[in-house]
């Protein structure tokens, strides 16, 4: 029997930055996808998706042509077969978990990483393949394979686990102090619009940067300072200036958070302030936060939350709150009274 357990992730700083080649800070939490597999003699993968009450079969000799956009099982198989994997043994596979679907905690990437770790285990290579490589294959199978607009944060974070700063240009990670105080996740109940939000944010931010580079060809976003916003904003079309602001200021916030999280005892209040600044940019400039969720987070802050933000691409889904111990119940109740479906504490995993 093969058993795999893979965590969900939260991006704390740097949302909508990874596809610009800018860094992010994300961490894995104690919500999981669980996979259990036993060999069969059918030359197939019999998939039982317990939470969805669905089943699917994939023949080992499937030609993996014309893979549907959301069929990550086959896209992973195609990527790994290109890497020389020989998939010759069938398995009966049960998959379950407690990561909410389409809610910003990256359930799809957790599933992709779990499936890759399972297939790696079938080859007897679990000790040979690095977490970095697992993340790379997951990114290829989930994003590049389907030419989707997302970045690599989700896959690399989930594969490597812990709280990490990711240089998205090369995928290199720096481990940070996994100390963000008590964390609450609130499920808003508002459906996400992942691909639409990602596409708009990516396209508009890139157009803003391109407008600057058209005049100043040597400009590099990764070397930008806060003063560059004012220095170049007049070069950016008016409708894109908010995205220019987001690109510059979110980058600065991420760098400030990294600096603080490299300390053995980071200042939680400072990190909460940075989270709130990040959220204001997401809702005002990227415009990825529905009004219902803004009301929920405002109420949480009034109840004592140190920092709050939407999780993931936005348009709906979950929120995270940093809270002091004595405010946990008040913040939970504040979320619920404003319409959140469920609120629960989470811990960072490593």
Protein backbone atom coordinates (compact mmCIF):
# COMPACT_ATOMS: atom_id res chain seq x y z
CA UNK A 1 0.00 0.00 0.00
CA UNK A 2 1.10 3.57 -0.75
CA UNK A 3 -0.15 6.43 1.43
CA UNK A 4 0.41 10.11 0.60
CA UNK A 5 -0.57 13.20 2.61
CA UNK A 6 -0.19 16.68 1.08
CA UNK A 7 -1.06 20.06 2.69
CA UNK A 8 -2.97 23.12 1.53
CA UNK A 9 -1.23 26.48 1.21
CA UNK A 10 -1.82 30.13 2.00
CA UNK A 11 -0.06 33.03 0.28
CA UNK A 12 0.62 35.63 2.96
CA UNK A 13 2.46 38.25 0.87
CA UNK A 14 2.98 38.66 -2.87
CA UNK A 15 -0.38 37.65 -4.36
CA UNK A 16 -0.51 38.33 -8.12
CA UNK A 17 3.26 38.81 -8.23
CA UNK A 18 4.68 35.42 -9.17
CA UNK A 19 3.70 35.64 -12.85
CA UNK A 20 5.60 38.94 -13.02
CA UNK A 21 8.76 37.16 -11.88
CA UNK A 22 8.51 38.74 -8.43
CA UNK A 23 8.82 36.86 -5.12
CA UNK A 24 6.08 35.56 -2.87
CA UNK A 25 5.82 34.41 0.74
CA UNK A 26 3.57 31.41 1.24
CA UNK A 27 3.19 28.57 3.70
CA UNK A 28 1.53 25.19 4.07
CA UNK A 29 -1.19 24.59 6.65
CA UNK A 30 -2.74 21.60 8.40
CA UNK A 31 -5.51 20.92 5.89
CA UNK A 32 -4.73 17.96 3.66
CA UNK A 33 -5.34 15.82 0.59
CA UNK A 34 -4.98 12.13 1.48
CA UNK A 35 -4.26 9.43 -1.08
CA UNK A 36 -4.22 5.67 -0.38
CA UNK A 37 -3.41 3.17 -3.12
CA UNK A 38 -3.31 -0.63 -3.34
CA UNK A 39 -2.04 -2.58 -6.38
CA UNK A 40 -4.51 -4.25 -8.75
CA UNK A 41 -4.18 -6.53 -11.77
CA UNK A 42 -6.34 -4.45 -14.12
CA UNK A 43 -3.66 -2.30 -15.79
CA UNK A 44 -5.69 0.74 -14.74
CA UNK A 45 -5.77 3.45 -12.13
CA UNK A 46 -9.18 3.16 -10.50
CA UNK A 47 -9.74 6.52 -8.82
CA UNK A 48 -12.29 6.87 -6.05
CA UNK A 49 -12.84 10.52 -5.16
CA UNK A 50 -14.52 9.91 -1.83
CA UNK A 51 -15.58 13.47 -0.99
CA UNK A 52 -17.15 13.97 -4.41
CA UNK A 53 -18.57 10.44 -4.52
CA UNK A 54 -17.15 10.00 -7.99
CA UNK A 55 -15.05 7.34 -9.67
CA UNK A 56 -12.83 7.41 -12.74
CA UNK A 57 -10.60 4.97 -14.59
CA UNK A 58 -7.40 5.66 -16.47
CA UNK A 59 -5.85 2.86 -18.50
CA UNK A 60 -2.08 2.62 -18.14
CA UNK A 61 -1.78 2.63 -21.94
CA UNK A 62 -3.95 5.76 -22.33
CA UNK A 63 -2.42 7.81 -25.16
CA UNK A 64 -2.89 11.02 -23.11
CA UNK A 65 -3.96 12.99 -26.17
CA UNK A 66 -6.54 15.79 -26.04
CA UNK A 67 -6.43 15.99 -22.25
CA UNK A 68 -9.34 18.02 -20.83
CA UNK A 69 -8.33 21.34 -19.18
CA UNK A 70 -9.07 20.15 -15.64
CA UNK A 71 -7.79 16.57 -16.00
CA UNK A 72 -4.66 16.87 -13.88
CA UNK A 73 -4.36 13.11 -13.44
CA UNK A 74 -3.63 12.69 -17.15
CA UNK A 75 -1.55 15.87 -17.50
CA UNK A 76 0.73 14.65 -14.68
CA UNK A 77 1.03 11.25 -16.36
CA UNK A 78 1.97 12.94 -19.64
CA UNK A 79 4.63 15.09 -17.95
CA UNK A 80 6.15 12.14 -16.08
CA UNK A 81 6.10 9.85 -19.11
CA UNK A 82 8.14 12.49 -20.93
CA UNK A 83 10.58 12.21 -18.01
CA UNK A 84 10.93 8.49 -18.65
CA UNK A 85 8.49 7.10 -16.06
CA UNK A 86 7.24 3.60 -16.88
CA UNK A 87 3.68 3.31 -15.55
CA UNK A 88 3.10 -0.44 -15.67
CA UNK A 89 1.31 -1.30 -12.41
CA UNK A 90 -2.36 -0.58 -11.86
CA UNK A 91 -3.73 0.64 -8.52
CA UNK A 92 -7.03 1.13 -6.74
CA UNK A 93 -6.76 4.66 -5.33
CA UNK A 94 -8.86 6.45 -2.73
CA UNK A 95 -8.55 10.24 -2.48
CA UNK A 96 -10.13 12.39 0.23
CA UNK A 97 -9.33 15.53 2.15
CA UNK A 98 -10.48 18.53 4.14
CA UNK A 99 -9.26 21.32 1.84
CA UNK A 100 -12.26 23.31 0.56
CA UNK A 101 -12.53 23.16 -3.23
CA UNK A 102 -12.23 26.33 -5.34
CA UNK A 103 -11.77 28.45 -2.23
CA UNK A 104 -8.20 29.78 -2.47
CA UNK A 105 -6.35 27.15 -0.40
CA UNK A 106 -5.05 25.49 -3.56
CA UNK A 107 -6.87 22.17 -3.40
CA UNK A 108 -6.07 21.52 -7.06
CA UNK A 109 -2.33 22.00 -6.60
CA UNK A 110 -2.40 19.81 -3.49
CA UNK A 111 -4.09 17.10 -5.54
CA UNK A 112 -1.51 17.45 -8.32
CA UNK A 113 1.40 17.21 -5.86
CA UNK A 114 -0.21 14.19 -4.15
CA UNK A 115 -0.66 12.45 -7.51
CA UNK A 116 2.94 13.14 -8.49
CA UNK A 117 4.24 11.85 -5.14
CA UNK A 118 2.15 8.71 -5.63
CA UNK A 119 3.51 8.08 -9.14
CA UNK A 120 7.06 8.77 -7.92
CA UNK A 121 6.49 6.22 -5.14
CA UNK A 122 5.34 3.60 -7.68
CA UNK A 123 8.76 3.95 -9.31
CA UNK A 124 10.59 3.51 -5.99
CA UNK A 125 12.07 7.00 -6.38
CA UNK A 126 10.62 8.85 -3.39
CA UNK A 127 14.05 9.29 -1.82
CA UNK A 128 15.72 10.31 -5.09
CA UNK A 129 13.41 13.06 -6.32
CA UNK A 130 13.75 16.44 -4.59
CA UNK A 131 10.82 18.48 -3.33
CA UNK A 132 11.91 21.22 -5.72
CA UNK A 133 11.56 18.81 -8.66
CA UNK A 134 8.14 17.68 -7.44
CA UNK A 135 7.07 21.33 -7.42
CA UNK A 136 8.47 21.87 -10.89
CA UNK A 137 6.61 18.90 -12.35
CA UNK A 138 3.42 20.03 -10.62
CA UNK A 139 3.76 23.50 -12.17
CA UNK A 140 4.34 21.97 -15.59
CA UNK A 141 1.33 19.66 -15.28
CA UNK A 142 -1.12 22.19 -13.85
CA UNK A 143 -0.14 25.47 -15.51
CA UNK A 144 2.22 25.07 -18.47
CA UNK A 145 0.55 21.94 -19.86
CA UNK A 146 -2.74 23.83 -20.26
CA UNK A 147 -1.20 27.25 -20.98
CA UNK A 148 -3.01 28.74 -17.99
CA UNK A 149 -2.20 32.22 -16.56
CA UNK A 150 -1.10 31.19 -13.05
CA UNK A 151 2.37 31.28 -11.54
CA UNK A 152 4.40 28.62 -9.72
CA UNK A 153 3.76 29.64 -6.10
CA UNK A 154 1.12 27.03 -5.27
CA UNK A 155 2.99 24.01 -6.56
CA UNK A 156 6.41 24.98 -5.20
CA UNK A 157 5.03 25.87 -1.76
CA UNK A 158 3.02 22.67 -1.36
CA UNK A 159 5.87 20.47 -2.56
CA UNK A 160 8.48 22.07 -0.27
CA UNK A 161 6.20 22.74 2.74
CA UNK A 162 6.76 25.20 5.57
CA UNK A 163 6.79 29.00 5.35
CA UNK A 164 9.00 30.01 2.42
CA UNK A 165 10.06 33.00 0.34
CA UNK A 166 10.11 31.94 -3.31
CA UNK A 167 12.18 33.66 -5.98
CA UNK A 168 9.76 32.96 -8.81
CA UNK A 169 12.32 33.63 -11.51
CA UNK A 170 14.31 30.52 -10.64
CA UNK A 171 12.12 28.74 -8.09
CA UNK A 172 14.73 29.00 -5.34
CA UNK A 173 13.28 29.15 -1.83
CA UNK A 174 14.36 30.65 1.47
CA UNK A 175 12.92 29.16 4.67
CA UNK A 176 11.46 31.74 7.03
CA UNK A 177 10.51 31.84 10.70
CA UNK A 178 7.22 29.93 10.82
CA UNK A 179 5.85 32.33 13.41
CA UNK A 180 2.78 34.29 12.36
CA UNK A 181 0.86 33.88 15.58
CA UNK A 182 -2.59 32.31 15.63
CA UNK A 183 -4.23 31.99 12.22
CA UNK A 184 -7.91 31.69 11.35
CA UNK A 185 -9.30 30.74 7.95
CA UNK A 186 -12.81 31.90 7.06
CA UNK A 187 -14.67 30.39 4.12
CA UNK A 188 -16.76 33.18 2.64
CA UNK A 189 -19.12 31.05 0.59
CA UNK A 190 -18.57 33.42 -2.35
CA UNK A 191 -17.55 31.38 -5.44
CA UNK A 192 -14.09 32.12 -6.84
CA UNK A 193 -13.43 33.33 -10.37
CA UNK A 194 -9.85 32.11 -10.52
CA UNK A 195 -8.91 32.18 -14.20
CA UNK A 196 -10.75 35.42 -14.93
CA UNK A 197 -9.10 37.27 -12.03
CA UNK A 198 -5.67 35.81 -12.77
CA UNK A 199 -5.85 36.69 -16.45
CA UNK A 200 -6.94 40.28 -15.81
CA UNK A 201 -4.37 40.90 -13.08
CA UNK A 202 -1.57 39.36 -15.08
CA UNK A 203 -2.40 41.10 -18.36
CA UNK A 204 -3.03 44.53 -16.85
CA UNK A 205 0.02 44.54 -14.59
CA UNK A 206 2.20 43.40 -17.48
CA UNK A 207 0.79 46.12 -19.73
CA UNK A 208 1.57 48.70 -17.06
CA UNK A 209 5.17 47.49 -16.79
CA UNK A 210 5.50 47.32 -20.59
CA UNK A 211 4.36 50.95 -20.87
CA UNK A 212 7.29 51.97 -18.67
CA UNK A 213 9.77 49.72 -20.47
CA UNK A 214 8.69 51.13 -23.82
CA UNK A 215 10.25 54.45 -22.77
CA UNK A 216 12.89 53.13 -20.37
CA UNK A 217 14.00 49.84 -21.86
CA UNK A 218 16.53 49.19 -19.07
CA UNK A 219 13.86 49.24 -16.35
CA UNK A 220 13.69 45.96 -14.40
CA UNK A 221 10.78 45.36 -12.04
CA UNK A 222 12.84 43.29 -9.60
CA UNK A 223 15.13 46.30 -9.04
CA UNK A 224 12.25 48.75 -8.56
CA UNK A 225 11.95 51.00 -5.51
CA UNK A 226 8.90 52.81 -4.16
CA UNK A 227 10.09 56.05 -5.75
CA UNK A 228 9.73 54.41 -9.17
CA UNK A 229 5.95 54.53 -8.85
CA UNK A 230 5.87 58.33 -8.95
CA UNK A 231 8.82 58.54 -11.33
CA UNK A 232 7.07 56.53 -14.06
CA UNK A 233 3.33 56.66 -13.33
CA UNK A 234 2.70 59.31 -16.01
CA UNK A 235 3.98 56.84 -18.62
CA UNK A 236 1.26 54.36 -17.70
CA UNK A 237 -2.24 54.69 -19.22
CA UNK A 238 -4.67 56.01 -16.63
CA UNK A 239 -6.71 52.80 -16.54
CA UNK A 240 -3.60 50.78 -15.69
CA UNK A 241 -2.07 53.02 -13.04
CA UNK A 242 -3.62 51.03 -10.19
CA UNK A 243 -1.94 47.89 -11.52
CA UNK A 244 1.35 49.76 -11.73
CA UNK A 245 0.90 50.76 -8.09
CA UNK A 246 0.14 47.13 -7.17
CA UNK A 247 3.23 45.80 -8.92
CA UNK A 248 5.56 48.25 -7.15
CA UNK A 249 4.01 48.37 -3.68
CA UNK A 250 3.16 44.68 -3.28
CA UNK A 251 6.77 43.88 -4.15
CA UNK A 252 7.97 46.27 -1.44
CA UNK A 253 5.58 44.74 1.11
CA UNK A 254 6.86 41.25 0.32
CA UNK A 255 10.48 42.31 0.78
CA UNK A 256 9.64 43.98 4.10
CA UNK A 257 7.84 40.85 5.30
CA UNK A 258 10.78 38.66 4.30
CA UNK A 259 13.15 40.85 6.29
CA UNK A 260 10.96 40.56 9.38
CA UNK A 261 10.40 36.82 9.00
CA UNK A 262 14.15 36.19 8.88
CA UNK A 263 14.23 37.29 12.51
CA UNK A 264 13.93 34.47 15.08
CA UNK A 265 11.17 36.41 16.87
CA UNK A 266 9.34 38.46 14.24
CA UNK A 267 7.09 41.36 15.17
CA UNK A 268 3.56 40.01 14.65
CA UNK A 269 1.94 43.45 14.77
CA UNK A 270 4.25 44.70 12.02
CA UNK A 271 3.50 41.63 9.90
CA UNK A 272 -0.21 42.15 10.44
CA UNK A 273 0.10 45.77 9.30
CA UNK A 274 1.89 44.59 6.14
CA UNK A 275 -0.87 42.04 5.53
CA UNK A 276 -3.50 44.78 5.79
CA UNK A 277 -1.55 46.99 3.38
CA UNK A 278 -1.33 44.09 0.96
CA UNK A 279 -5.08 43.47 1.22
CA UNK A 280 -5.89 47.12 0.54
CA UNK A 281 -3.91 46.92 -2.69
CA UNK A 282 -5.62 43.68 -3.67
CA UNK A 283 -9.09 45.11 -3.16
CA UNK A 284 -8.51 48.65 -4.47
CA UNK A 285 -6.00 48.18 -7.29
CA UNK A 286 -6.20 44.51 -8.36
CA UNK A 287 -9.92 44.62 -7.48
CA UNK A 288 -10.08 40.94 -6.58
CA UNK A 289 -12.14 41.17 -3.37
CA UNK A 290 -15.96 41.06 -3.44
CA UNK A 291 -17.75 43.58 -1.23
CA UNK A 292 -19.19 40.83 1.00
CA UNK A 293 -15.66 39.68 1.86
CA UNK A 294 -14.48 43.24 2.51
CA UNK A 295 -17.27 43.60 5.08
CA UNK A 296 -16.24 40.29 6.69
CA UNK A 297 -12.59 41.33 7.00
CA UNK A 298 -13.48 44.79 8.27
CA UNK A 299 -15.59 43.18 10.99
CA UNK A 300 -12.76 40.78 11.87
CA UNK A 301 -10.33 43.69 12.29
CA UNK A 302 -12.82 45.57 14.45
CA UNK A 303 -13.09 42.43 16.59
CA UNK A 304 -9.34 42.38 17.17
CA UNK A 305 -7.67 40.70 14.17
CA UNK A 306 -4.12 41.98 13.64
CA UNK A 307 -4.21 41.43 9.89
CA UNK A 308 -6.60 39.98 7.30
CA UNK A 309 -6.46 39.22 3.60
CA UNK A 310 -8.17 37.29 0.87
CA UNK A 311 -6.45 34.02 -0.02
CA UNK A 312 -5.48 32.97 -3.53
CA UNK A 313 -6.36 34.64 -6.80
CA UNK A 314 -9.49 36.19 -5.35
CA UNK A 315 -12.94 36.90 -6.67
CA UNK A 316 -14.27 34.83 -3.77
CA UNK A 317 -13.13 31.91 -1.63
CA UNK A 318 -11.34 32.08 1.72
CA UNK A 319 -9.76 34.73 3.94
CA UNK A 320 -7.01 34.45 6.54
CA UNK A 321 -6.74 36.45 9.76
CA UNK A 322 -3.81 36.86 12.14
CA UNK A 323 -5.28 37.07 15.64
CA UNK A 324 -4.07 37.41 19.24
CA UNK A 325 -5.11 34.55 21.54
CA UNK A 326 -7.61 36.64 23.46
CA UNK A 327 -9.44 37.73 20.28
CA UNK A 328 -9.85 34.36 18.55
CA UNK A 329 -13.49 33.76 19.47
CA UNK A 330 -14.49 37.38 18.84
CA UNK A 331 -12.93 37.32 15.38
CA UNK A 332 -14.57 33.99 14.55
CA UNK A 333 -17.95 35.36 15.54
CA UNK A 334 -17.39 38.56 13.57
CA UNK A 335 -16.71 36.59 10.39
CA UNK A 336 -19.77 34.42 10.93
CA UNK A 337 -22.10 37.33 11.69
CA UNK A 338 -21.12 38.94 8.37
CA UNK A 339 -21.94 35.78 6.43
CA UNK A 340 -18.86 33.51 6.47
CA UNK A 341 -19.90 29.86 6.15
CA UNK A 342 -17.31 28.40 8.52
CA UNK A 343 -14.24 29.63 10.42
CA UNK A 344 -11.44 27.48 11.84
CA UNK A 345 -7.94 27.76 13.26
CA UNK A 346 -5.01 26.47 11.20
CA UNK A 347 -1.33 25.96 11.90
CA UNK A 348 1.66 26.19 9.60
CA UNK A 349 3.14 22.78 8.75
CA UNK A 350 6.68 21.83 7.84
